[in-house]
Amino acid sequence: MYNPPDYYQVDELLTDEHKIIRSAMRDWVDRSVMPVIEEAAQKHSFPSHLTKEMGEIGAFGPFIPEKYGGSGLDHIAYGLIMTELERGDSAIRSAASVQTSLVMYPIYTFGNEEQRMKYLPKLATGEWVGAFGLTEPNHGSDPGSMLTRFEDKGSHYLLNGAKMWITNSPIADVSVVWAKDENGKVRGLLVEKGMKGFTAPETKGKWSLRASLTGELVFDNVKVPKENLLPNVEGLKGPLMCLNSARYGIAWGVIGAAMDCYDTALRYSLERKQFGKPIASFQLQQRKLA
């Protein structure tokens, strides 16, 4: 049974609502994630049946207003949700981080009302899965040098280029894609599954986050409707704001992974016996745990 360490007494800073949200998320992870995640990681497959469940428990877009399908919670609640999801597995947290901070957040922040109403409710429930296209094969930490471009063709935009290491890409229904226009300005486009010339091949053979779906986004003369342009941001400010939101969730998430590692090590040290007593009774192990 998981016994969460709290040596810094963080719980004293939380409201009752925060603790209820965390408890519900913790129970769901124990019930739905833990029994399947080991096999999913070994098989290099994402347990896709969990997507709808995450929507049902409010793991997608918790800080998005209820009007658009979110829960209207604060960012501490978002962080606590990410902590519990990553306790289950980094791949599960990654799916929720991408859906929330890299897809729902930019549509809510940079989109218009029509875009918000079209996409956010479906993303919140898990009916639709989202992806975020910024990193390219030759430009990861240098997004300003991206090569993906789109041209104004009058009735539509024509998109060409490729993105790599994209979480959820093989199953994404909509991707927030960052590309340069004819003036070299970075803009966001909403590219939907099924658009002609748009493919999303899966990346195989990863050594980590094995239960997470990763792939590419490839655009070969993809016609994107003009109404799919995010109207309220220009330049790298847009994608970098998204990454700030994602990093916030990731920071909470890794705490969950660390807590689970500590709890696992502590329990093992109490169960494992050498020389007739638990190894937790030896000072060398006690020092490591301390």
C-alpha atoms as a PDB file:
ATOM      1  CA  MET A   1       0.000   0.000   0.000  1.00  0.00           C
ATOM      2  CA  TYR A   2       1.447   3.355  -1.098  1.00  0.00           C
ATOM      3  CA  ASN A   3       2.489   5.514   1.863  1.00  0.00           C
ATOM      4  CA  PRO A   4       3.302   8.978   0.456  1.00  0.00           C
ATOM      5  CA  PRO A   5       6.255  10.639   2.199  1.00  0.00           C
ATOM      6  CA  ASP A   6       5.713  14.261   3.255  1.00  0.00           C
ATOM      7  CA  TYR A   7       8.819  15.251   5.192  1.00  0.00           C
ATOM      8  CA  TYR A   8       8.434  18.896   4.190  1.00  0.00           C
ATOM      9  CA  GLN A   9       4.822  19.004   5.428  1.00  0.00           C
ATOM     10  CA  VAL A  10       3.484  20.177   2.082  1.00  0.00           C
ATOM     11  CA  ASP A  11       0.031  18.922   3.073  1.00  0.00           C
ATOM     12  CA  GLU A  12      -0.266  21.824   5.498  1.00  0.00           C
ATOM     13  CA  LEU A  13      -0.293  24.182   2.504  1.00  0.00           C
ATOM     14  CA  LEU A  14      -3.173  22.412   0.752  1.00  0.00           C
ATOM     15  CA  THR A  15      -6.896  23.066   1.034  1.00  0.00           C
ATOM     16  CA  ASP A  16      -9.422  20.341   1.733  1.00  0.00           C
ATOM     17  CA  GLU A  17     -10.473  20.539  -1.913  1.00  0.00           C
ATOM     18  CA  HIS A  18      -6.894  19.928  -3.028  1.00  0.00           C
ATOM     19  CA  LYS A  19      -6.655  16.844  -0.815  1.00  0.00           C
ATOM     20  CA  ILE A  20      -9.979  15.459  -2.089  1.00  0.00           C
ATOM     21  CA  ILE A  21      -8.828  15.901  -5.709  1.00  0.00           C
ATOM     22  CA  ARG A  22      -5.499  14.247  -4.964  1.00  0.00           C
ATOM     23  CA  SER A  23      -7.161  11.370  -3.138  1.00  0.00           C
ATOM     24  CA  ALA A  24      -9.542  10.715  -6.038  1.00  0.00           C
ATOM     25  CA  MET A  25      -6.655  10.773  -8.518  1.00  0.00           C
ATOM     26  CA  ARG A  26      -4.561   8.503  -6.288  1.00  0.00           C
ATOM     27  CA  ASP A  27      -7.377   5.959  -6.057  1.00  0.00           C
ATOM     28  CA  TRP A  28      -7.816   5.985  -9.831  1.00  0.00           C
ATOM     29  CA  VAL A  29      -4.095   5.403 -10.413  1.00  0.00           C
ATOM     30  CA  ASP A  30      -4.120   2.464  -7.989  1.00  0.00           C
ATOM     31  CA  ARG A  31      -7.239   1.023  -9.581  1.00  0.00           C
ATOM     32  CA  SER A  32      -6.679   1.621 -13.295  1.00  0.00           C
ATOM     33  CA  VAL A  33      -3.009   2.357 -13.986  1.00  0.00           C
ATOM     34  CA  MET A  34      -0.995   0.119 -11.662  1.00  0.00           C
ATOM     35  CA  PRO A  35      -2.508  -3.210 -12.836  1.00  0.00           C
ATOM     36  CA  VAL A  36      -1.703  -2.590 -16.527  1.00  0.00           C
ATOM     37  CA  ILE A  37       1.251  -0.235 -16.769  1.00  0.00           C
ATOM     38  CA  GLU A  38       4.061  -2.792 -16.341  1.00  0.00           C
ATOM     39  CA  GLU A  39       2.842  -4.862 -19.269  1.00  0.00           C
ATOM     40  CA  ALA A  40       2.222  -1.730 -21.358  1.00  0.00           C
ATOM     41  CA  ALA A  41       5.796  -0.559 -20.794  1.00  0.00           C
ATOM     42  CA  GLN A  42       7.214  -3.989 -21.618  1.00  0.00           C
ATOM     43  CA  LYS A  43       5.127  -4.221 -24.791  1.00  0.00           C
ATOM     44  CA  HIS A  44       5.915  -0.632 -25.824  1.00  0.00           C
ATOM     45  CA  SER A  45       2.204   0.192 -26.076  1.00  0.00           C
ATOM     46  CA  PHE A  46      -0.002   2.931 -24.664  1.00  0.00           C
ATOM     47  CA  PRO A  47      -3.036   1.699 -22.666  1.00  0.00           C
ATOM     48  CA  SER A  48      -5.449   3.716 -24.816  1.00  0.00           C
ATOM     49  CA  HIS A  49      -8.514   2.677 -22.808  1.00  0.00           C
ATOM     50  CA  LEU A  50      -7.234   4.996 -20.060  1.00  0.00           C
ATOM     51  CA  THR A  51      -7.740   8.098 -22.218  1.00  0.00           C
ATOM     52  CA  LYS A  52     -11.508   8.193 -21.751  1.00  0.00           C
ATOM     53  CA  GLU A  53     -11.084   7.407 -18.053  1.00  0.00           C
ATOM     54  CA  MET A  54      -8.721  10.358 -17.642  1.00  0.00           C
ATOM     55  CA  GLY A  55     -11.348  12.544 -19.255  1.00  0.00           C
ATOM     56  CA  GLU A  56     -13.990  11.239 -16.874  1.00  0.00           C
ATOM     57  CA  ILE A  57     -11.912  11.963 -13.765  1.00  0.00           C
ATOM     58  CA  GLY A  58     -10.971  15.487 -14.924  1.00  0.00           C
ATOM     59  CA  ALA A  59      -7.281  14.923 -15.680  1.00  0.00           C
ATOM     60  CA  PHE A  60      -7.500  16.875 -18.959  1.00  0.00           C
ATOM     61  CA  GLY A  61      -7.617  20.663 -18.766  1.00  0.00           C
ATOM     62  CA  PRO A  62      -8.357  20.950 -15.028  1.00  0.00           C
ATOM     63  CA  PHE A  63      -7.636  24.702 -15.081  1.00  0.00           C
ATOM     64  CA  ILE A  64      -9.721  25.302 -18.222  1.00  0.00           C
ATOM     65  CA  PRO A  65     -13.099  26.959 -17.410  1.00  0.00           C
ATOM     66  CA  GLU A  66     -16.117  24.683 -17.062  1.00  0.00           C
ATOM     67  CA  LYS A  67     -17.750  26.456 -20.011  1.00  0.00           C
ATOM     68  CA  TYR A  68     -15.289  24.648 -22.294  1.00  0.00           C
ATOM     69  CA  GLY A  69     -15.394  21.286 -20.538  1.00  0.00           C
ATOM     70  CA  GLY A  70     -12.624  21.858 -17.995  1.00  0.00           C
ATOM     71  CA  SER A  71     -12.971  21.766 -14.220  1.00  0.00           C
ATOM     72  CA  GLY A  72     -12.108  25.419 -13.513  1.00  0.00           C
ATOM     73  CA  LEU A  73      -9.580  24.421 -10.833  1.00  0.00           C
ATOM     74  CA  ASP A  74      -6.445  26.289  -9.768  1.00  0.00           C
ATOM     75  CA  HIS A  75      -2.932  25.368 -10.814  1.00  0.00           C
ATOM     76  CA  ILE A  76      -2.071  23.681  -7.536  1.00  0.00           C
ATOM     77  CA  ALA A  77      -4.861  21.188  -8.246  1.00  0.00           C
ATOM     78  CA  TYR A  78      -3.392  20.714 -11.736  1.00  0.00           C
ATOM     79  CA  GLY A  79       0.012  20.053 -10.181  1.00  0.00           C
ATOM     80  CA  LEU A  80      -1.365  17.538  -7.684  1.00  0.00           C
ATOM     81  CA  ILE A  81      -3.117  15.669 -10.500  1.00  0.00           C
ATOM     82  CA  MET A  82       0.161  15.483 -12.430  1.00  0.00           C
ATOM     83  CA  THR A  83       1.968  14.247  -9.295  1.00  0.00           C
ATOM     84  CA  GLU A  84      -0.413  11.329  -8.894  1.00  0.00           C
ATOM     85  CA  LEU A  85      -0.452  10.449 -12.599  1.00  0.00           C
ATOM     86  CA  GLU A  86       3.328  10.309 -12.751  1.00  0.00           C
ATOM     87  CA  ARG A  87       3.387   8.155  -9.637  1.00  0.00           C
ATOM     88  CA  GLY A  88       1.589   5.653 -11.863  1.00  0.00           C
ATOM     89  CA  ASP A  89       3.877   6.191 -14.835  1.00  0.00           C
ATOM     90  CA  SER A  90       5.586   9.053 -16.647  1.00  0.00           C
ATOM     91  CA  ALA A  91       3.791   8.063 -19.852  1.00  0.00           C
ATOM     92  CA  ILE A  92       0.378   8.643 -18.269  1.00  0.00           C
ATOM     93  CA  ARG A  93       1.398  12.060 -16.964  1.00  0.00           C
ATOM     94  CA  SER A  94       2.916  12.910 -20.327  1.00  0.00           C
ATOM     95  CA  ALA A  95      -0.369  12.181 -22.110  1.00  0.00           C
ATOM     96  CA  ALA A  96      -2.236  14.444 -19.682  1.00  0.00           C
ATOM     97  CA  SER A  97       0.414  17.191 -19.838  1.00  0.00           C
ATOM     98  CA  VAL A  98       0.318  17.327 -23.613  1.00  0.00           C
ATOM     99  CA  GLN A  99      -3.477  17.282 -23.771  1.00  0.00           C
ATOM    100  CA  THR A 100      -3.746  20.011 -21.123  1.00  0.00           C
ATOM    101  CA  SER A 101      -0.792  22.383 -21.437  1.00  0.00           C
ATOM    102  CA  LEU A 102       0.219  21.932 -25.067  1.00  0.00           C
ATOM    103  CA  VAL A 103      -3.145  21.508 -26.785  1.00  0.00           C
ATOM    104  CA  MET A 104      -6.042  22.782 -24.645  1.00  0.00           C
ATOM    105  CA  TYR A 105      -4.079  25.692 -23.184  1.00  0.00           C
ATOM    106  CA  PRO A 106      -3.051  27.235 -26.552  1.00  0.00           C
ATOM    107  CA  ILE A 107      -6.533  26.763 -28.021  1.00  0.00           C
ATOM    108  CA  TYR A 108      -8.050  28.444 -24.957  1.00  0.00           C
ATOM    109  CA  THR A 109      -5.413  31.214 -24.740  1.00  0.00           C
ATOM    110  CA  PHE A 110      -4.676  31.948 -28.393  1.00  0.00           C
ATOM    111  CA  GLY A 111      -7.803  30.676 -30.135  1.00  0.00           C
ATOM    112  CA  ASN A 112     -11.130  32.357 -30.850  1.00  0.00           C
ATOM    113  CA  GLU A 113     -14.473  31.405 -29.349  1.00  0.00           C
ATOM    114  CA  GLU A 114     -15.437  29.193 -32.272  1.00  0.00           C
ATOM    115  CA  GLN A 115     -12.192  27.194 -31.935  1.00  0.00           C
ATOM    116  CA  ARG A 116     -12.618  26.869 -28.178  1.00  0.00           C
ATOM    117  CA  MET A 117     -16.154  25.544 -28.467  1.00  0.00           C
ATOM    118  CA  LYS A 118     -15.236  23.161 -31.284  1.00  0.00           C
ATOM    119  CA  TYR A 119     -12.178  21.501 -29.747  1.00  0.00           C
ATOM    120  CA  LEU A 120     -11.962  21.989 -25.976  1.00  0.00           C
ATOM    121  CA  PRO A 121     -15.032  19.985 -24.829  1.00  0.00           C
ATOM    122  CA  LYS A 122     -13.956  16.957 -26.908  1.00  0.00           C
ATOM    123  CA  LEU A 123     -10.388  17.185 -25.613  1.00  0.00           C
ATOM    124  CA  ALA A 124     -11.596  17.541 -22.009  1.00  0.00           C
ATOM    125  CA  THR A 125     -13.582  14.297 -22.139  1.00  0.00           C
ATOM    126  CA  GLY A 126     -10.871  12.363 -23.946  1.00  0.00           C
ATOM    127  CA  GLU A 127     -13.141  11.861 -26.953  1.00  0.00           C
ATOM    128  CA  TRP A 128     -10.390  13.604 -28.932  1.00  0.00           C
ATOM    129  CA  VAL A 129      -6.647  13.275 -28.374  1.00  0.00           C
ATOM    130  CA  GLY A 130      -4.309  16.184 -29.078  1.00  0.00           C
ATOM    131  CA  ALA A 131      -0.639  16.607 -30.040  1.00  0.00           C
ATOM    132  CA  PHE A 132       1.795  19.545 -30.075  1.00  0.00           C
ATOM    133  CA  GLY A 133       4.084  20.039 -33.038  1.00  0.00           C
ATOM    134  CA  LEU A 134       7.147  22.206 -32.356  1.00  0.00           C
ATOM    135  CA  THR A 135      10.298  20.022 -32.308  1.00  0.00           C
ATOM    136  CA  GLU A 136      11.767  19.170 -35.707  1.00  0.00           C
ATOM    137  CA  PRO A 137      14.310  16.539 -36.810  1.00  0.00           C
ATOM    138  CA  ASN A 138      17.044  19.170 -37.060  1.00  0.00           C
ATOM    139  CA  HIS A 139      15.751  21.752 -34.604  1.00  0.00           C
ATOM    140  CA  GLY A 140      14.874  20.677 -31.075  1.00  0.00           C
ATOM    141  CA  SER A 141      16.098  23.248 -28.558  1.00  0.00           C
ATOM    142  CA  ASP A 142      16.344  25.872 -31.347  1.00  0.00           C
ATOM    143  CA  PRO A 143      12.707  26.222 -32.450  1.00  0.00           C
ATOM    144  CA  GLY A 144      13.388  29.599 -34.041  1.00  0.00           C
ATOM    145  CA  SER A 145      15.210  27.798 -36.849  1.00  0.00           C
ATOM    146  CA  MET A 146      12.205  25.624 -37.713  1.00  0.00           C
ATOM    147  CA  LEU A 147      11.799  24.720 -41.359  1.00  0.00           C
ATOM    148  CA  THR A 148       8.060  23.949 -41.376  1.00  0.00           C
ATOM    149  CA  ARG A 149       6.302  26.584 -43.495  1.00  0.00           C
ATOM    150  CA  PHE A 150       2.843  27.512 -44.696  1.00  0.00           C
ATOM    151  CA  GLU A 151       1.719  29.717 -47.562  1.00  0.00           C
ATOM    152  CA  ASP A 152      -1.477  31.689 -48.047  1.00  0.00           C
ATOM    153  CA  LYS A 153      -3.259  30.245 -51.085  1.00  0.00           C
ATOM    154  CA  GLY A 154      -6.300  32.478 -50.869  1.00  0.00           C
ATOM    155  CA  SER A 155      -8.959  29.970 -49.835  1.00  0.00           C
ATOM    156  CA  HIS A 156      -6.620  27.985 -47.533  1.00  0.00           C
ATOM    157  CA  TYR A 157      -3.093  27.642 -46.184  1.00  0.00           C
ATOM    158  CA  LEU A 158      -0.638  25.144 -47.692  1.00  0.00           C
ATOM    159  CA  LEU A 159       1.524  23.488 -45.011  1.00  0.00           C
ATOM    160  CA  ASN A 160       4.830  21.672 -45.581  1.00  0.00           C
ATOM    161  CA  GLY A 161       7.414  20.283 -43.168  1.00  0.00           C
ATOM    162  CA  ALA A 162       7.863  17.740 -40.391  1.00  0.00           C
ATOM    163  CA  LYS A 163       7.890  17.491 -36.603  1.00  0.00           C
ATOM    164  CA  MET A 164       9.565  14.796 -34.510  1.00  0.00           C
ATOM    165  CA  TRP A 165       9.363  13.244 -30.997  1.00  0.00           C
ATOM    166  CA  ILE A 166       5.695  14.181 -30.724  1.00  0.00           C
ATOM    167  CA  THR A 167       3.712  12.613 -27.872  1.00  0.00           C
ATOM    168  CA  ASN A 168       0.308  11.240 -28.949  1.00  0.00           C
ATOM    169  CA  SER A 169       0.961  11.931 -32.636  1.00  0.00           C
ATOM    170  CA  PRO A 170      -0.071   8.487 -33.982  1.00  0.00           C
ATOM    171  CA  ILE A 171      -3.525   8.748 -32.368  1.00  0.00           C
ATOM    172  CA  ALA A 172      -4.050  12.523 -32.308  1.00  0.00           C
ATOM    173  CA  ASP A 173      -7.313  13.868 -33.687  1.00  0.00           C
ATOM    174  CA  VAL A 174      -5.978  17.442 -33.702  1.00  0.00           C
ATOM    175  CA  SER A 175      -2.424  18.778 -33.572  1.00  0.00           C
ATOM    176  CA  VAL A 176      -1.358  22.290 -32.617  1.00  0.00           C
ATOM    177  CA  VAL A 177       1.376  22.854 -35.191  1.00  0.00           C
ATOM    178  CA  TRP A 178       3.808  25.756 -35.105  1.00  0.00           C
ATOM    179  CA  ALA A 179       5.093  26.888 -38.488  1.00  0.00           C
ATOM    180  CA  LYS A 180       6.456  29.999 -40.174  1.00  0.00           C
ATOM    181  CA  ASP A 181       4.344  32.059 -42.551  1.00  0.00           C
ATOM    182  CA  GLU A 182       5.654  33.744 -45.704  1.00  0.00           C
ATOM    183  CA  ASN A 183       7.054  36.605 -43.601  1.00  0.00           C
ATOM    184  CA  GLY A 184       8.931  34.242 -41.312  1.00  0.00           C
ATOM    185  CA  LYS A 185       6.556  34.742 -38.371  1.00  0.00           C
ATOM    186  CA  VAL A 186       5.789  31.700 -36.226  1.00  0.00           C
ATOM    187  CA  ARG A 187       2.052  30.952 -36.102  1.00  0.00           C
ATOM    188  CA  GLY A 188      -0.094  28.173 -34.721  1.00  0.00           C
ATOM    189  CA  LEU A 189      -2.287  25.988 -36.935  1.00  0.00           C
ATOM    190  CA  LEU A 190      -4.862  23.368 -35.907  1.00  0.00           C
ATOM    191  CA  VAL A 191      -4.254  20.350 -38.137  1.00  0.00           C
ATOM    192  CA  GLU A 192      -6.809  17.553 -37.967  1.00  0.00           C
ATOM    193  CA  LYS A 193      -6.382  13.839 -38.584  1.00  0.00           C
ATOM    194  CA  GLY A 194      -7.424  12.866 -42.090  1.00  0.00           C
ATOM    195  CA  MET A 195      -6.322  16.048 -43.856  1.00  0.00           C
ATOM    196  CA  LYS A 196      -4.827  15.001 -47.192  1.00  0.00           C
ATOM    197  CA  GLY A 197      -1.017  14.871 -47.110  1.00  0.00           C
ATOM    198  CA  PHE A 198      -0.860  14.677 -43.295  1.00  0.00           C
ATOM    199  CA  THR A 199       0.680  11.527 -41.779  1.00  0.00           C
ATOM    200  CA  ALA A 200       1.819  10.654 -38.246  1.00  0.00           C
ATOM    201  CA  PRO A 201       4.118   7.590 -38.214  1.00  0.00           C
ATOM    202  CA  GLU A 202       4.970   6.091 -34.821  1.00  0.00           C
ATOM    203  CA  THR A 203       8.510   6.168 -33.406  1.00  0.00           C
ATOM    204  CA  LYS A 204       9.578   2.666 -32.380  1.00  0.00           C
ATOM    205  CA  GLY A 205      12.344   1.312 -30.156  1.00  0.00           C
ATOM    206  CA  LYS A 206      12.402   3.899 -27.370  1.00  0.00           C
ATOM    207  CA  TRP A 207      14.264   3.085 -24.158  1.00  0.00           C
ATOM    208  CA  SER A 208      12.168   5.295 -21.882  1.00  0.00           C
ATOM    209  CA  LEU A 209       8.546   6.410 -21.591  1.00  0.00           C
ATOM    210  CA  ARG A 210       7.851   3.136 -23.352  1.00  0.00           C
ATOM    211  CA  ALA A 211       4.144   3.216 -22.532  1.00  0.00           C
ATOM    212  CA  SER A 212       3.867   6.637 -24.181  1.00  0.00           C
ATOM    213  CA  LEU A 213       2.953   6.927 -27.860  1.00  0.00           C
ATOM    214  CA  THR A 214       5.548   8.985 -29.724  1.00  0.00           C
ATOM    215  CA  GLY A 215       5.768   9.761 -33.413  1.00  0.00           C
ATOM    216  CA  GLU A 216       6.219  12.299 -36.177  1.00  0.00           C
ATOM    217  CA  LEU A 217       3.955  14.826 -37.848  1.00  0.00           C
ATOM    218  CA  VAL A 218       4.625  15.012 -41.588  1.00  0.00           C
ATOM    219  CA  PHE A 219       3.012  17.635 -43.824  1.00  0.00           C
ATOM    220  CA  ASP A 220       3.127  17.232 -47.595  1.00  0.00           C
ATOM    221  CA  ASN A 221       1.140  20.058 -49.188  1.00  0.00           C
ATOM    222  CA  VAL A 222      -1.545  19.872 -46.505  1.00  0.00           C
ATOM    223  CA  LYS A 223      -4.481  22.213 -47.132  1.00  0.00           C
ATOM    224  CA  VAL A 224      -5.389  23.792 -43.795  1.00  0.00           C
ATOM    225  CA  PRO A 225      -8.618  25.845 -43.596  1.00  0.00           C
ATOM    226  CA  LYS A 226      -8.023  29.488 -42.750  1.00  0.00           C
ATOM    227  CA  GLU A 227     -10.307  29.244 -39.731  1.00  0.00           C
ATOM    228  CA  ASN A 228      -7.771  26.803 -38.212  1.00  0.00           C
ATOM    229  CA  LEU A 229      -5.170  29.524 -37.633  1.00  0.00           C
ATOM    230  CA  LEU A 230      -4.810  30.540 -33.968  1.00  0.00           C
ATOM    231  CA  PRO A 231      -5.519  34.284 -34.298  1.00  0.00           C
ATOM    232  CA  ASN A 232      -4.305  35.689 -30.987  1.00  0.00           C
ATOM    233  CA  VAL A 233      -0.540  35.113 -30.992  1.00  0.00           C
ATOM    234  CA  GLU A 234       2.456  35.615 -33.261  1.00  0.00           C
ATOM    235  CA  GLY A 235       6.083  34.594 -32.814  1.00  0.00           C
ATOM    236  CA  LEU A 236       7.793  32.132 -30.493  1.00  0.00           C
ATOM    237  CA  LYS A 237       5.952  33.642 -27.527  1.00  0.00           C
ATOM    238  CA  GLY A 238       3.057  31.284 -28.296  1.00  0.00           C
ATOM    239  CA  PRO A 239       4.804  27.902 -28.154  1.00  0.00           C
ATOM    240  CA  LEU A 240       7.106  29.025 -25.325  1.00  0.00           C
ATOM    241  CA  MET A 241       4.115  29.975 -23.159  1.00  0.00           C
ATOM    242  CA  CYS A 242       2.737  26.486 -23.797  1.00  0.00           C
ATOM    243  CA  LEU A 243       6.044  24.936 -22.756  1.00  0.00           C
ATOM    244  CA  ASN A 244       6.047  27.000 -19.554  1.00  0.00           C
ATOM    245  CA  SER A 245       2.658  25.542 -18.648  1.00  0.00           C
ATOM    246  CA  ALA A 246       3.841  22.026 -19.501  1.00  0.00           C
ATOM    247  CA  ARG A 247       7.041  22.391 -17.483  1.00  0.00           C
ATOM    248  CA  TYR A 248       4.996  23.432 -14.469  1.00  0.00           C
ATOM    249  CA  GLY A 249       3.014  20.196 -14.672  1.00  0.00           C
ATOM    250  CA  ILE A 250       6.154  18.153 -15.320  1.00  0.00           C
ATOM    251  CA  ALA A 251       7.834  19.636 -12.227  1.00  0.00           C
ATOM    252  CA  TRP A 252       4.943  18.408 -10.081  1.00  0.00           C
ATOM    253  CA  GLY A 253       4.960  15.110 -11.938  1.00  0.00           C
ATOM    254  CA  VAL A 254       8.580  14.217 -11.230  1.00  0.00           C
ATOM    255  CA  ILE A 255       7.889  14.752  -7.535  1.00  0.00           C
ATOM    256  CA  GLY A 256       5.283  11.994  -7.824  1.00  0.00           C
ATOM    257  CA  ALA A 257       7.803   9.689  -9.492  1.00  0.00           C
ATOM    258  CA  ALA A 258      10.378  10.447  -6.771  1.00  0.00           C
ATOM    259  CA  MET A 259       7.841   9.835  -3.992  1.00  0.00           C
ATOM    260  CA  ASP A 260       6.928   6.473  -5.471  1.00  0.00           C
ATOM    261  CA  CYS A 261      10.604   5.504  -5.841  1.00  0.00           C
ATOM    262  CA  TYR A 262      11.233   6.413  -2.198  1.00  0.00           C
ATOM    263  CA  ASP A 263       8.159   4.547  -0.968  1.00  0.00           C
ATOM    264  CA  THR A 264       9.151   1.469  -2.984  1.00  0.00           C
ATOM    265  CA  ALA A 265      12.715   1.530  -1.642  1.00  0.00           C
ATOM    266  CA  LEU A 266      11.532   2.003   1.944  1.00  0.00           C
ATOM    267  CA  ARG A 267       9.036  -0.856   1.757  1.00  0.00           C
ATOM    268  CA  TYR A 268      11.604  -3.157   0.173  1.00  0.00           C
ATOM    269  CA  SER A 269      14.174  -2.342   2.858  1.00  0.00           C
ATOM    270  CA  LEU A 270      11.658  -3.314   5.534  1.00  0.00           C
ATOM    271  CA  GLU A 271      10.732  -6.591   3.798  1.00  0.00           C
ATOM    272  CA  ARG A 272      14.165  -7.718   2.614  1.00  0.00           C
ATOM    273  CA  LYS A 273      16.068  -9.622   5.332  1.00  0.00           C
ATOM    274  CA  GLN A 274      19.794 -10.281   5.578  1.00  0.00           C
ATOM    275  CA  PHE A 275      21.692 -11.680   8.552  1.00  0.00           C
ATOM    276  CA  GLY A 276      18.354 -12.336  10.222  1.00  0.00           C
ATOM    277  CA  LYS A 277      16.962  -8.806  10.140  1.00  0.00           C
ATOM    278  CA  PRO A 278      15.518  -6.254   7.660  1.00  0.00           C
ATOM    279  CA  ILE A 279      18.158  -4.320   5.716  1.00  0.00           C
ATOM    280  CA  ALA A 280      16.405  -1.134   6.912  1.00  0.00           C
ATOM    281  CA  SER A 281      18.019  -1.786  10.302  1.00  0.00           C
ATOM    282  CA  PHE A 282      21.519  -1.229   8.873  1.00  0.00           C
ATOM    283  CA  GLN A 283      22.925   2.292   9.034  1.00  0.00           C
ATOM    284  CA  LEU A 284      24.134   2.211   5.419  1.00  0.00           C
ATOM    285  CA  GLN A 285      20.548   1.744   4.183  1.00  0.00           C
ATOM    286  CA  GLN A 286      19.202   4.225   6.722  1.00  0.00           C
ATOM    287  CA  ARG A 287      21.633   6.855   5.460  1.00  0.00           C
ATOM    288  CA  LYS A 288      20.556   6.284   1.858  1.00  0.00           C
ATOM    289  CA  LEU A 289      16.877   6.586   2.792  1.00  0.00           C
ATOM    290  CA  ALA A 290      17.489   9.672   4.924  1.00  0.00           C
END
